[in-house]
Amino acid sequence: MLMKINFQSTNFNVDRKLIDFSEKKIGKLTQYFDKIIRAQVVFKVENTSDRINKFAELKLSIPGEDIVVKKMCKTFEEAIDLSARAAERILKRHKAVLR
């Protein structure tokens, strides 16, 4: 099953490198759970004086529910990496519960 990934950004334009990086990270999640229907990625730059102002939200639609992971970091790559790792743990747990 091929998952569809949608990207959305607030307060800036996403460049191709970030999209490619995100698609690679999110695509690997199908190794842990192959019934992911689609992924929604929202990038946002928060207006804070703090340097940690890059926000990434990853929403995975799987049969029966949605998994949502939100991370804020110094870079979008770091935020998407942490989100993907957290989603991986959730998917492994979800798969174990289904067995």
Protein backbone atom coordinates (compact mmCIF):
# COMPACT_ATOMS: atom_id res chain seq x y z
CA MET A 1 0.00 0.00 0.00
CA LEU A 2 1.45 3.32 -1.04
CA MET A 3 1.02 6.12 1.46
CA LYS A 4 0.28 9.68 0.38
CA ILE A 5 2.23 12.43 2.13
CA ASN A 6 0.81 15.97 2.26
CA PHE A 7 2.92 18.96 3.28
CA GLN A 8 1.69 22.23 4.71
CA SER A 9 3.70 25.18 5.93
CA THR A 10 2.85 28.32 7.86
CA ASN A 11 4.89 31.56 7.71
CA PHE A 12 7.42 30.27 5.13
CA ASN A 13 7.88 28.18 1.96
CA VAL A 14 9.14 24.61 2.26
CA ASP A 15 12.16 23.89 0.07
CA ARG A 16 12.62 20.68 -1.96
CA LYS A 17 15.47 19.44 0.29
CA LEU A 18 13.23 19.49 3.37
CA ILE A 19 10.43 17.70 1.52
CA ASP A 20 12.83 15.00 0.24
CA PHE A 21 14.32 14.55 3.73
CA SER A 22 10.84 14.28 5.27
CA GLU A 23 9.57 11.83 2.64
CA LYS A 24 12.58 9.59 3.26
CA LYS A 25 12.08 9.60 7.06
CA ILE A 26 8.31 9.09 6.87
CA GLY A 27 8.60 6.47 4.12
CA LYS A 28 10.70 4.30 6.45
CA LEU A 29 7.74 4.08 8.87
CA THR A 30 6.05 1.57 6.54
CA GLN A 31 8.70 -0.95 7.70
CA TYR A 32 7.08 -0.92 11.13
CA PHE A 33 3.43 -0.71 10.10
CA ASP A 34 2.45 -1.24 6.45
CA LYS A 35 -1.16 -0.05 6.71
CA ILE A 36 -0.45 3.69 6.90
CA ILE A 37 -3.02 5.35 4.64
CA ARG A 38 -1.56 8.84 4.53
CA ALA A 39 0.73 11.22 6.35
CA GLN A 40 0.14 14.91 6.92
CA VAL A 41 3.16 17.06 7.79
CA VAL A 42 2.72 20.61 9.06
CA PHE A 43 5.76 22.88 9.35
CA LYS A 44 5.54 26.13 11.29
CA VAL A 45 7.95 28.81 12.41
CA GLU A 46 6.83 29.97 15.83
CA ASN A 47 7.27 33.66 16.61
CA THR A 48 9.35 33.29 19.73
CA SER A 49 12.61 34.94 20.70
CA ASP A 50 13.93 31.45 21.43
CA ARG A 51 16.15 29.74 18.81
CA ILE A 52 14.10 26.58 19.19
CA ASN A 53 11.21 27.82 17.05
CA LYS A 54 10.85 25.23 14.25
CA PHE A 55 7.67 23.23 14.76
CA ALA A 56 6.80 19.99 12.93
CA GLU A 57 3.59 18.04 13.34
CA LEU A 58 3.31 14.56 11.87
CA LYS A 59 -0.16 13.03 11.56
CA LEU A 60 -0.39 9.43 10.37
CA SER A 61 -3.75 8.00 9.33
CA ILE A 62 -3.98 4.29 10.02
CA PRO A 63 -7.09 2.08 10.00
CA GLY A 64 -9.18 2.94 13.04
CA GLU A 65 -7.26 5.96 14.33
CA ASP A 66 -4.77 8.76 13.74
CA ILE A 67 -1.34 9.08 15.30
CA VAL A 68 -0.21 12.66 15.93
CA VAL A 69 3.31 13.63 16.96
CA LYS A 70 4.41 17.24 17.51
CA LYS A 71 8.00 18.39 18.02
CA MET A 72 9.71 21.76 18.27
CA CYS A 73 13.47 22.02 17.63
CA LYS A 74 16.19 24.29 16.26
CA THR A 75 15.81 22.87 12.74
CA PHE A 76 12.94 21.31 10.81
CA GLU A 77 15.13 18.29 9.99
CA GLU A 78 15.68 17.63 13.69
CA ALA A 79 11.95 18.08 14.41
CA ILE A 80 10.92 15.68 11.62
CA ASP A 81 13.58 13.16 12.70
CA LEU A 82 12.32 13.17 16.31
CA SER A 83 8.70 13.01 15.12
CA ALA A 84 9.45 10.01 12.90
CA ARG A 85 11.25 8.21 15.75
CA ALA A 86 8.34 8.84 18.13
CA ALA A 87 5.86 7.67 15.48
CA GLU A 88 7.97 4.54 14.96
CA ARG A 89 7.67 3.66 18.67
CA ILE A 90 3.91 4.27 18.61
CA LEU A 91 3.46 2.16 15.47
CA LYS A 92 5.47 -0.73 16.94
CA ARG A 93 3.34 -0.60 20.09
CA HIS A 94 0.13 -0.41 18.02
CA LYS A 95 1.19 -3.40 15.91
CA ALA A 96 2.00 -5.42 19.05
CA VAL A 97 -1.48 -4.65 20.45
CA LEU A 98 -3.10 -5.86 17.22
CA ARG A 99 -1.41 -9.28 17.48
